[in-house]
C-alpha atoms as a PDB file:
ATOM      1  CA  MET A   1     152.751  42.858  25.586  1.00  0.00           C
ATOM      2  CA  ALA A   2     153.827  46.453  26.198  1.00  0.00           C
ATOM      3  CA  GLU A   3     151.842  48.637  28.561  1.00  0.00           C
ATOM      4  CA  GLN A   4     148.961  50.282  26.695  1.00  0.00           C
ATOM      5  CA  GLU A   5     149.718  53.902  25.785  1.00  0.00           C
ATOM      6  CA  THR A   6     147.353  56.540  27.090  1.00  0.00           C
ATOM      7  CA  THR A   7     145.647  58.375  24.257  1.00  0.00           C
ATOM      8  CA  LEU A   8     145.041  62.103  24.122  1.00  0.00           C
ATOM      9  CA  THR A   9     141.313  61.416  24.486  1.00  0.00           C
ATOM     10  CA  ASP A  10     142.004  59.419  27.672  1.00  0.00           C
ATOM     11  CA  GLN A  11     144.152  62.262  29.041  1.00  0.00           C
ATOM     12  CA  VAL A  12     141.449  64.841  28.352  1.00  0.00           C
ATOM     13  CA  ARG A  13     138.695  62.703  29.880  1.00  0.00           C
ATOM     14  CA  GLU A  14     140.871  62.103  32.957  1.00  0.00           C
ATOM     15  CA  LEU A  15     141.526  65.842  33.401  1.00  0.00           C
ATOM     16  CA  ILE A  16     137.819  66.607  33.064  1.00  0.00           C
ATOM     17  CA  ASP A  17     136.962  63.895  35.610  1.00  0.00           C
ATOM     18  CA  GLN A  18     139.649  64.964  38.101  1.00  0.00           C
ATOM     19  CA  ASN A  19     138.893  68.701  38.104  1.00  0.00           C
ATOM     20  CA  PRO A  20     135.520  69.971  39.305  1.00  0.00           C
ATOM     21  CA  VAL A  21     136.129  73.184  37.337  1.00  0.00           C
ATOM     22  CA  LEU A  22     138.426  72.947  34.318  1.00  0.00           C
ATOM     23  CA  LEU A  23     139.172  75.531  31.655  1.00  0.00           C
ATOM     24  CA  PHE A  24     140.707  74.588  28.321  1.00  0.00           C
ATOM     25  CA  MET A  25     142.119  77.872  27.063  1.00  0.00           C
ATOM     26  CA  LYS A  26     144.662  79.496  24.797  1.00  0.00           C
ATOM     27  CA  GLY A  27     147.550  80.385  27.077  1.00  0.00           C
ATOM     28  CA  THR A  28     147.452  80.263  30.854  1.00  0.00           C
ATOM     29  CA  PRO A  29     145.330  82.177  33.362  1.00  0.00           C
ATOM     30  CA  SER A  30     148.269  84.467  34.128  1.00  0.00           C
ATOM     31  CA  ALA A  31     149.077  84.922  30.422  1.00  0.00           C
ATOM     32  CA  PRO A  32     146.019  84.365  28.217  1.00  0.00           C
ATOM     33  CA  ARG A  33     146.804  84.221  24.508  1.00  0.00           C
ATOM     34  CA  CYS A  34     143.399  85.332  23.206  1.00  0.00           C
ATOM     35  CA  GLY A  35     140.718  87.772  24.286  1.00  0.00           C
ATOM     36  CA  PHE A  36     138.057  85.096  24.754  1.00  0.00           C
ATOM     37  CA  SER A  37     140.303  83.117  27.097  1.00  0.00           C
ATOM     38  CA  MET A  38     141.155  86.306  28.996  1.00  0.00           C
ATOM     39  CA  ARG A  39     137.486  87.214  29.442  1.00  0.00           C
ATOM     40  CA  THR A  40     136.632  83.711  30.691  1.00  0.00           C
ATOM     41  CA  VAL A  41     139.510  83.817  33.187  1.00  0.00           C
ATOM     42  CA  GLN A  42     138.325  87.201  34.425  1.00  0.00           C
ATOM     43  CA  VAL A  43     134.823  85.874  35.060  1.00  0.00           C
ATOM     44  CA  LEU A  44     136.147  82.859  36.971  1.00  0.00           C
ATOM     45  CA  ASP A  45     138.586  84.983  38.969  1.00  0.00           C
ATOM     46  CA  SER A  46     135.842  87.467  39.881  1.00  0.00           C
ATOM     47  CA  MET A  47     133.865  84.555  41.317  1.00  0.00           C
ATOM     48  CA  GLY A  48     136.778  83.375  43.455  1.00  0.00           C
ATOM     49  CA  VAL A  49     136.512  79.747  42.363  1.00  0.00           C
ATOM     50  CA  GLU A  50     139.389  77.319  42.244  1.00  0.00           C
ATOM     51  CA  TYR A  51     139.884  75.870  38.785  1.00  0.00           C
ATOM     52  CA  GLY A  52     142.347  73.937  36.692  1.00  0.00           C
ATOM     53  CA  ALA A  53     143.554  75.299  33.376  1.00  0.00           C
ATOM     54  CA  VAL A  54     145.005  73.627  30.307  1.00  0.00           C
ATOM     55  CA  ASP A  55     146.894  75.559  27.638  1.00  0.00           C
ATOM     56  CA  VAL A  56     145.583  74.098  24.379  1.00  0.00           C
ATOM     57  CA  LEU A  57     148.060  75.823  22.078  1.00  0.00           C
ATOM     58  CA  PRO A  58     150.803  73.152  22.149  1.00  0.00           C
ATOM     59  CA  VAL A  59     148.357  70.537  20.809  1.00  0.00           C
ATOM     60  CA  LEU A  60     145.592  72.710  19.350  1.00  0.00           C
ATOM     61  CA  GLN A  61     144.522  70.665  16.326  1.00  0.00           C
ATOM     62  CA  PRO A  62     144.536  67.259  18.050  1.00  0.00           C
ATOM     63  CA  LEU A  63     142.616  68.783  20.988  1.00  0.00           C
ATOM     64  CA  ARG A  64     139.996  70.212  18.632  1.00  0.00           C
ATOM     65  CA  ALA A  65     139.328  66.690  17.377  1.00  0.00           C
ATOM     66  CA  VAL A  66     139.200  65.235  20.900  1.00  0.00           C
ATOM     67  CA  THR A  67     136.899  67.873  22.368  1.00  0.00           C
ATOM     68  CA  SER A  68     134.673  67.624  19.322  1.00  0.00           C
ATOM     69  CA  GLU A  69     134.394  63.888  20.000  1.00  0.00           C
ATOM     70  CA  ILE A  70     133.826  64.330  23.762  1.00  0.00           C
ATOM     71  CA  SER A  71     131.481  67.306  23.788  1.00  0.00           C
ATOM     72  CA  ASP A  72     130.754  68.237  20.172  1.00  0.00           C
ATOM     73  CA  TRP A  73     132.591  71.553  20.700  1.00  0.00           C
ATOM     74  CA  GLU A  74     135.794  72.505  18.850  1.00  0.00           C
ATOM     75  CA  THR A  75     136.514  76.109  19.790  1.00  0.00           C
ATOM     76  CA  PHE A  76     138.385  77.387  22.831  1.00  0.00           C
ATOM     77  CA  PRO A  77     138.045  78.359  25.592  1.00  0.00           C
ATOM     78  CA  GLN A  78     135.872  75.575  26.974  1.00  0.00           C
ATOM     79  CA  LEU A  79     134.687  75.491  30.577  1.00  0.00           C
ATOM     80  CA  TYR A  80     133.791  72.176  32.198  1.00  0.00           C
ATOM     81  CA  VAL A  81     132.073  71.986  35.579  1.00  0.00           C
ATOM     82  CA  ASN A  82     131.609  68.621  37.264  1.00  0.00           C
ATOM     83  CA  GLY A  83     132.450  66.802  34.047  1.00  0.00           C
ATOM     84  CA  GLU A  84     129.961  68.712  31.890  1.00  0.00           C
ATOM     85  CA  LEU A  85     130.786  71.289  29.236  1.00  0.00           C
ATOM     86  CA  LEU A  86     129.167  74.632  30.039  1.00  0.00           C
ATOM     87  CA  GLY A  87     130.453  76.329  26.895  1.00  0.00           C
ATOM     88  CA  GLY A  88     132.812  79.002  25.704  1.00  0.00           C
ATOM     89  CA  CYS A  89     133.351  82.638  26.585  1.00  0.00           C
ATOM     90  CA  ASP A  90     130.012  84.050  25.459  1.00  0.00           C
ATOM     91  CA  ILE A  91     128.033  81.362  27.282  1.00  0.00           C
ATOM     92  CA  VAL A  92     130.122  81.762  30.448  1.00  0.00           C
ATOM     93  CA  GLU A  93     129.600  85.536  30.394  1.00  0.00           C
ATOM     94  CA  GLU A  94     125.861  85.148  29.822  1.00  0.00           C
ATOM     95  CA  MET A  95     125.615  82.625  32.655  1.00  0.00           C
ATOM     96  CA  PHE A  96     127.550  85.034  34.880  1.00  0.00           C
ATOM     97  CA  GLU A  97     125.174  87.894  34.071  1.00  0.00           C
ATOM     98  CA  THR A  98     122.066  85.827  34.877  1.00  0.00           C
ATOM     99  CA  GLY A  99     123.529  84.332  38.060  1.00  0.00           C
ATOM    100  CA  GLU A 100     123.347  80.819  36.606  1.00  0.00           C
ATOM    101  CA  LEU A 101     127.136  80.388  36.681  1.00  0.00           C
ATOM    102  CA  ALA A 102     127.292  81.140  40.412  1.00  0.00           C
ATOM    103  CA  GLU A 103     124.534  78.588  40.969  1.00  0.00           C
ATOM    104  CA  VAL A 104     126.323  75.899  38.934  1.00  0.00           C
ATOM    105  CA  LEU A 105     129.611  76.627  40.722  1.00  0.00           C
ATOM    106  CA  GLY A 106     127.957  76.712  44.137  1.00  0.00           C
ATOM    107  CA  VAL A 107     129.231  80.204  45.002  1.00  0.00           C
ATOM    108  CA  GLU A 108     127.632  83.570  45.684  1.00  0.00           C
ATOM    109  CA  GLN A 109     127.077  85.852  42.732  1.00  0.00           C
ATOM    110  CA  PRO A 110     129.577  88.730  42.937  1.00  0.00           C
ATOM    111  CA  ALA A 111     128.100  92.213  43.048  1.00  0.00           C
ATOM    112  CA  GLY A 112     128.378  94.280  39.894  1.00  0.00           C
ATOM    113  CA  ASP A 113     128.764  93.537  36.235  1.00  0.00           C
ATOM    114  CA  ALA A 114     130.959  90.985  34.519  1.00  0.00           C
ATOM    115  CA  PRO A 115     134.613  92.020  34.517  1.00  0.00           C
ATOM    116  CA  ALA A 116     135.587  94.233  31.607  1.00  0.00           C
ATOM    117  CA  ALA A 117     137.952  92.749  29.033  1.00  0.00           C
ATOM    118  CA  GLU A 118     140.282  95.726  29.441  1.00  0.00           C
ATOM    119  CA  VAL A 119     141.007  94.907  33.085  1.00  0.00           C
ATOM    120  CA  PRO A 120     144.483  93.395  33.304  1.00  0.00           C
ATOM    121  CA  VAL A 121     144.727  89.824  34.496  1.00  0.00           C
ATOM    122  CA  SER A 122     146.216  89.514  37.967  1.00  0.00           C
ATOM    123  CA  ASP A 123     149.575  87.839  38.514  1.00  0.00           C
ATOM    124  CA  GLU A 124     147.960  84.820  40.208  1.00  0.00           C
ATOM    125  CA  PRO A 125     144.391  84.511  38.912  1.00  0.00           C
ATOM    126  CA  TYR A 126     143.871  80.814  39.489  1.00  0.00           C
ATOM    127  CA  LYS A 127     144.346  78.444  42.361  1.00  0.00           C
ATOM    128  CA  SER A 128     145.652  75.275  40.733  1.00  0.00           C
ATOM    129  CA  PRO A 129     148.677  75.091  38.433  1.00  0.00           C
ATOM    130  CA  PRO A 130     148.097  74.920  34.691  1.00  0.00           C
ATOM    131  CA  MET A 131     148.085  71.381  33.379  1.00  0.00           C
ATOM    132  CA  THR A 132     149.721  70.140  30.258  1.00  0.00           C
ATOM    133  CA  ILE A 133     148.688  67.469  27.853  1.00  0.00           C
ATOM    134  CA  GLU A 134     151.272  65.424  26.056  1.00  0.00           C
ATOM    135  CA  GLY A 135     151.133  65.559  22.279  1.00  0.00           C
ATOM    136  CA  SER A 136     149.794  62.518  20.502  1.00  0.00           C
END
């Protein structure tokens, strides 16, 4: 019997399990492809946390189905911390503003407000390389 093929769901679960902080986003941290992804990256970068990132655009529709199955959430970006979905951009920004995100991430709350969406993304805003998921 041939070796069992890894499904997209298995790949996503494995990425979530292997990365303490993982962002599923449109584009990459250095080149976000939507405003919501850019704003989420800016919050994470302002906190100085190391995180993995997955560009969902190459397999957007299949990933919507998988993430809906895993976490009952279809839209992107999606931020997972320690295997649990925190939410999308608005939730991440709200958690940042209340200090809850810093607590969940185990870091100090940065001084000041959440980063403005107009601020350009730095050339190297994340610590780990973006990950890819093979199409199903």
